[in-house]
Amino acid sequence: MEEEDLITRDPDILGGVPVFAGTRVPVKTLVEYLEKGHSFDVFLDDFPTVTRRQAQEVTKGARTPESRRFLRWYAGQMEEHDRTIRRMSEEFGRRVSAHAR
């Protein structure tokens, strides 16, 4: 399964938060479920738009609590990066508008 079949990031979907491809389900939601001791089945029942194969592939390397924490941290870092870019873009737009007056 190709990476683009697993996770997508689109500014028009949840502000660019990494989600399972074809859904609006953030990847970090699965990690949070697993950290709380829930099974894949519980997650998949709660989020039926995510396929079992997507969930398994994304967590293939996240079998230990440390690797799940890393995956969650990484997803959070991508979200923070996107927020920073949006803030900078908005500030730039304000400055350009102010300068144009």
Protein backbone atom coordinates (compact mmCIF):
# COMPACT_ATOMS: atom_id res chain seq x y z
CA MET A 1 0.00 0.00 0.00
CA GLU A 2 1.44 3.37 -1.03
CA GLU A 3 1.79 6.17 1.54
CA GLU A 4 -0.71 8.37 -0.33
CA ASP A 5 -3.25 5.56 0.10
CA LEU A 6 -2.75 5.77 3.86
CA ILE A 7 -2.47 9.39 4.95
CA THR A 8 -3.31 12.68 3.31
CA ARG A 9 -2.92 16.30 4.32
CA ASP A 10 -5.19 18.87 2.72
CA PRO A 11 -5.69 22.42 4.03
CA ASP A 12 -9.40 22.06 3.19
CA ILE A 13 -9.78 18.96 5.39
CA LEU A 14 -9.45 19.72 9.10
CA GLY A 15 -6.99 22.51 8.31
CA GLY A 16 -4.36 20.13 6.96
CA VAL A 17 -4.26 17.73 9.90
CA PRO A 18 -2.92 14.34 8.70
CA VAL A 19 -5.96 12.11 8.14
CA PHE A 20 -6.53 8.62 6.81
CA ALA A 21 -6.85 8.95 3.04
CA GLY A 22 -10.43 9.29 1.87
CA THR A 23 -11.67 10.21 5.36
CA ARG A 24 -11.77 13.07 7.84
CA VAL A 25 -10.34 10.88 10.61
CA PRO A 26 -7.05 12.19 12.05
CA VAL A 27 -4.28 9.60 12.24
CA LYS A 28 -3.51 10.62 15.80
CA THR A 29 -7.01 9.47 16.81
CA LEU A 30 -6.00 5.86 16.15
CA VAL A 31 -2.82 6.32 18.15
CA GLU A 32 -4.82 7.80 21.03
CA TYR A 33 -7.23 4.84 20.93
CA LEU A 34 -4.36 2.36 21.07
CA GLU A 35 -2.66 4.27 23.89
CA LYS A 36 -5.88 4.02 25.89
CA GLY A 37 -5.89 0.24 25.40
CA HIS A 38 -8.67 0.05 22.79
CA SER A 39 -8.42 -2.53 20.03
CA PHE A 40 -8.44 -1.98 16.27
CA ASP A 41 -11.98 -3.33 16.25
CA VAL A 42 -13.22 -0.64 18.64
CA PHE A 43 -11.50 2.07 16.58
CA LEU A 44 -12.84 0.68 13.30
CA ASP A 45 -16.36 0.43 14.74
CA ASP A 46 -16.17 4.08 15.81
CA PHE A 47 -14.62 5.22 12.51
CA PRO A 48 -16.00 2.96 9.76
CA THR A 49 -14.55 5.11 6.95
CA VAL A 50 -11.06 3.90 7.89
CA THR A 51 -10.22 0.48 6.50
CA ARG A 52 -8.57 -2.18 8.61
CA ARG A 53 -5.71 -2.28 6.13
CA GLN A 54 -5.13 1.49 6.46
CA ALA A 55 -5.06 1.25 10.25
CA GLN A 56 -2.73 -1.74 10.22
CA GLU A 57 -0.32 -0.21 7.72
CA VAL A 58 -0.13 3.11 9.57
CA THR A 59 0.61 1.39 12.86
CA LYS A 60 2.83 -1.34 11.44
CA GLY A 61 5.88 0.23 13.05
CA ALA A 62 3.97 1.44 16.12
CA ARG A 63 3.78 -1.78 18.11
CA THR A 64 5.37 -0.45 21.29
CA PRO A 65 4.16 2.38 23.53
CA GLU A 66 7.31 4.34 22.62
CA SER A 67 6.70 4.11 18.89
CA ARG A 68 3.02 5.05 19.33
CA ARG A 69 4.08 8.07 21.37
CA PHE A 70 6.49 9.00 18.60
CA LEU A 71 3.77 8.69 15.94
CA ARG A 72 1.45 10.88 18.02
CA TRP A 73 4.24 13.41 18.64
CA TYR A 74 5.07 13.48 14.92
CA ALA A 75 1.44 14.10 13.96
CA GLY A 76 1.33 16.92 16.51
CA GLN A 77 4.51 18.44 15.08
CA MET A 78 2.97 18.48 11.59
CA GLU A 79 -0.12 20.22 12.98
CA GLU A 80 1.99 22.82 14.78
CA HIS A 81 4.01 23.42 11.61
CA ASP A 82 0.80 24.03 9.67
CA ARG A 83 -0.49 26.46 12.32
CA THR A 84 2.78 28.39 12.15
CA ILE A 85 2.63 28.58 8.35
CA ARG A 86 -1.00 29.81 8.50
CA ARG A 87 -0.09 32.48 11.08
CA MET A 88 2.84 33.67 8.99
CA SER A 89 0.71 33.74 5.85
CA GLU A 90 -2.01 35.74 7.60
CA GLU A 91 0.56 38.20 8.97
CA PHE A 92 2.11 38.58 5.53
CA GLY A 93 -1.35 39.24 4.05
CA ARG A 94 -2.05 41.93 6.67
CA ARG A 95 1.28 43.62 6.00
CA VAL A 96 0.75 43.59 2.23
CA SER A 97 -2.75 45.04 2.68
CA ALA A 98 -1.47 47.74 5.03
CA HIS A 99 1.33 48.62 2.66
CA ALA A 100 -1.03 48.83 -0.33
CA ARG A 101 -3.12 51.54 1.36
